[in-house]
Amino acid sequence: MIKKLTAYFREAFYELRKVTWPTKKQTINYSIVVIVIAISMAIFFAVLDDVFTWLLSIVV
């Protein structure tokens, strides 16, 4: 059991060394894109919710 666990962590560490990590600038740019998209989607769904609420109030 211990040998398998040790081998697993050794292989995981080896794979992590092969990863090409983004630069700080790329990370900041990607984060900004994600935040802008999340805020845009929140605004879109809030407006959509208000439209459907307004339409429902007209029908009922």
N, C-alpha and C. Protein backbone atom coordinates (compact mmCIF):
# COMPACT_ATOMS: atom_id res chain seq x y z
N MET A 1 0.83 -1.20 0.00
CA MET A 1 0.00 0.00 0.00
C MET A 1 0.87 1.26 0.00
N ILE A 2 1.86 1.27 0.85
CA ILE A 2 2.76 2.44 0.94
C ILE A 2 3.54 2.61 -0.36
N LYS A 3 3.97 1.49 -0.96
CA LYS A 3 4.73 1.59 -2.21
C LYS A 3 3.87 2.17 -3.33
N LYS A 4 2.60 1.76 -3.39
CA LYS A 4 1.71 2.29 -4.42
C LYS A 4 1.46 3.78 -4.21
N LEU A 5 1.28 4.18 -2.96
CA LEU A 5 1.05 5.58 -2.65
C LEU A 5 2.27 6.43 -2.99
N THR A 6 3.44 5.92 -2.65
CA THR A 6 4.69 6.62 -2.96
C THR A 6 4.88 6.73 -4.46
N ALA A 7 4.60 5.66 -5.18
CA ALA A 7 4.74 5.68 -6.64
C ALA A 7 3.76 6.68 -7.25
N TYR A 8 2.55 6.71 -6.72
CA TYR A 8 1.54 7.64 -7.23
C TYR A 8 2.03 9.09 -7.09
N PHE A 9 2.50 9.45 -5.90
CA PHE A 9 2.96 10.82 -5.68
C PHE A 9 4.20 11.14 -6.49
N ARG A 10 5.07 10.17 -6.67
CA ARG A 10 6.27 10.38 -7.48
C ARG A 10 5.88 10.66 -8.93
N GLU A 11 4.95 9.87 -9.47
CA GLU A 11 4.50 10.07 -10.84
C GLU A 11 3.73 11.39 -10.99
N ALA A 12 2.93 11.74 -10.00
CA ALA A 12 2.19 13.00 -10.05
C ALA A 12 3.17 14.18 -10.05
N PHE A 13 4.18 14.11 -9.22
CA PHE A 13 5.19 15.17 -9.17
C PHE A 13 5.92 15.26 -10.51
N TYR A 14 6.24 14.11 -11.10
CA TYR A 14 6.92 14.09 -12.40
C TYR A 14 6.05 14.75 -13.47
N GLU A 15 4.76 14.44 -13.46
CA GLU A 15 3.85 15.05 -14.44
C GLU A 15 3.73 16.55 -14.23
N LEU A 16 3.71 17.00 -12.99
CA LEU A 16 3.62 18.44 -12.71
C LEU A 16 4.85 19.19 -13.21
N ARG A 17 5.99 18.53 -13.25
CA ARG A 17 7.20 19.17 -13.75
C ARG A 17 7.13 19.38 -15.26
N LYS A 18 6.30 18.60 -15.96
CA LYS A 18 6.19 18.72 -17.41
C LYS A 18 5.16 19.78 -17.82
N VAL A 19 4.41 20.30 -16.88
CA VAL A 19 3.36 21.27 -17.19
C VAL A 19 3.99 22.60 -17.58
N THR A 20 3.44 23.22 -18.61
CA THR A 20 3.86 24.57 -18.99
C THR A 20 2.90 25.54 -18.32
N TRP A 21 3.38 26.21 -17.29
CA TRP A 21 2.54 27.11 -16.51
C TRP A 21 2.44 28.46 -17.20
N PRO A 22 1.28 29.12 -17.11
CA PRO A 22 1.14 30.44 -17.74
C PRO A 22 1.97 31.48 -16.98
N THR A 23 2.33 32.53 -17.70
CA THR A 23 3.06 33.61 -17.07
C THR A 23 2.10 34.42 -16.19
N LYS A 24 2.67 35.31 -15.40
CA LYS A 24 1.83 36.15 -14.54
C LYS A 24 0.90 37.02 -15.38
N LYS A 25 1.42 37.56 -16.48
CA LYS A 25 0.61 38.41 -17.35
C LYS A 25 -0.54 37.62 -17.98
N GLN A 26 -0.27 36.39 -18.43
CA GLN A 26 -1.32 35.54 -18.99
C GLN A 26 -2.38 35.22 -17.94
N THR A 27 -1.94 34.93 -16.74
CA THR A 27 -2.88 34.59 -15.66
C THR A 27 -3.79 35.78 -15.36
N ILE A 28 -3.22 36.97 -15.32
CA ILE A 28 -4.03 38.17 -15.07
C ILE A 28 -5.01 38.40 -16.21
N ASN A 29 -4.54 38.26 -17.44
CA ASN A 29 -5.43 38.44 -18.60
C ASN A 29 -6.56 37.42 -18.61
N TYR A 30 -6.25 36.17 -18.35
CA TYR A 30 -7.29 35.13 -18.30
C TYR A 30 -8.28 35.40 -17.19
N SER A 31 -7.78 35.85 -16.05
CA SER A 31 -8.66 36.16 -14.92
C SER A 31 -9.61 37.30 -15.26
N ILE A 32 -9.09 38.33 -15.93
CA ILE A 32 -9.94 39.46 -16.33
C ILE A 32 -11.02 39.00 -17.29
N VAL A 33 -10.66 38.15 -18.25
CA VAL A 33 -11.64 37.63 -19.20
C VAL A 33 -12.73 36.86 -18.48
N VAL A 34 -12.35 36.01 -17.54
CA VAL A 34 -13.33 35.21 -16.79
C VAL A 34 -14.26 36.11 -15.98
N ILE A 35 -13.71 37.12 -15.33
CA ILE A 35 -14.52 38.02 -14.51
C ILE A 35 -15.49 38.82 -15.39
N VAL A 36 -15.01 39.31 -16.52
CA VAL A 36 -15.87 40.08 -17.43
C VAL A 36 -17.01 39.21 -17.97
N ILE A 37 -16.69 37.99 -18.36
CA ILE A 37 -17.73 37.09 -18.87
C ILE A 37 -18.73 36.75 -17.76
N ALA A 38 -18.26 36.50 -16.56
CA ALA A 38 -19.16 36.17 -15.44
C ALA A 38 -20.09 37.34 -15.13
N ILE A 39 -19.55 38.55 -15.11
CA ILE A 39 -20.38 39.73 -14.83
C ILE A 39 -21.37 39.94 -15.97
N SER A 40 -20.91 39.78 -17.21
CA SER A 40 -21.81 39.93 -18.37
C SER A 40 -22.96 38.93 -18.32
N MET A 41 -22.65 37.70 -18.00
CA MET A 41 -23.70 36.68 -17.92
C MET A 41 -24.66 36.98 -16.78
N ALA A 42 -24.16 37.46 -15.65
CA ALA A 42 -25.03 37.81 -14.53
C ALA A 42 -25.98 38.94 -14.91
N ILE A 43 -25.46 39.94 -15.59
CA ILE A 43 -26.31 41.05 -16.04
C ILE A 43 -27.33 40.56 -17.06
N PHE A 44 -26.91 39.73 -17.99
CA PHE A 44 -27.81 39.19 -19.01
C PHE A 44 -28.97 38.43 -18.37
N PHE A 45 -28.65 37.54 -17.43
CA PHE A 45 -29.70 36.75 -16.80
C PHE A 45 -30.58 37.59 -15.88
N ALA A 46 -30.03 38.63 -15.28
CA ALA A 46 -30.85 39.52 -14.46
C ALA A 46 -31.85 40.27 -15.33
N VAL A 47 -31.40 40.76 -16.47
CA VAL A 47 -32.30 41.45 -17.41
C VAL A 47 -33.34 40.48 -17.95
N LEU A 48 -32.91 39.28 -18.32
CA LEU A 48 -33.84 38.27 -18.82
C LEU A 48 -34.90 37.93 -17.76
N ASP A 49 -34.48 37.83 -16.52
CA ASP A 49 -35.41 37.55 -15.43
C ASP A 49 -36.43 38.68 -15.28
N ASP A 50 -35.96 39.92 -15.36
CA ASP A 50 -36.87 41.07 -15.28
C ASP A 50 -37.86 41.09 -16.44
N VAL A 51 -37.39 40.75 -17.64
CA VAL A 51 -38.28 40.72 -18.80
C VAL A 51 -39.36 39.66 -18.61
N PHE A 52 -38.97 38.47 -18.20
CA PHE A 52 -39.95 37.41 -17.98
C PHE A 52 -40.90 37.75 -16.84
N THR A 53 -40.41 38.39 -15.80
CA THR A 53 -41.28 38.81 -14.70
C THR A 53 -42.29 39.84 -15.19
N TRP A 54 -41.83 40.79 -16.01
CA TRP A 54 -42.72 41.80 -16.57
C TRP A 54 -43.77 41.16 -17.48
N LEU A 55 -43.33 40.23 -18.34
CA LEU A 55 -44.28 39.55 -19.23
C LEU A 55 -45.30 38.73 -18.43
N LEU A 56 -44.84 38.08 -17.39
CA LEU A 56 -45.75 37.28 -16.56
C LEU A 56 -46.75 38.17 -15.84
N SER A 57 -46.30 39.35 -15.42
CA SER A 57 -47.23 40.26 -14.74
C SER A 57 -48.30 40.78 -15.70
N ILE A 58 -47.97 40.90 -16.98
CA ILE A 58 -48.95 41.33 -17.98
C ILE A 58 -49.99 40.23 -18.20
N VAL A 59 -49.52 38.99 -18.26
CA VAL A 59 -50.41 37.86 -18.53
C VAL A 59 -51.33 37.58 -17.34
N VAL A 60 -50.82 37.68 -16.16
CA VAL A 60 -51.61 37.34 -14.97
C VAL A 60 -52.30 38.51 -14.43
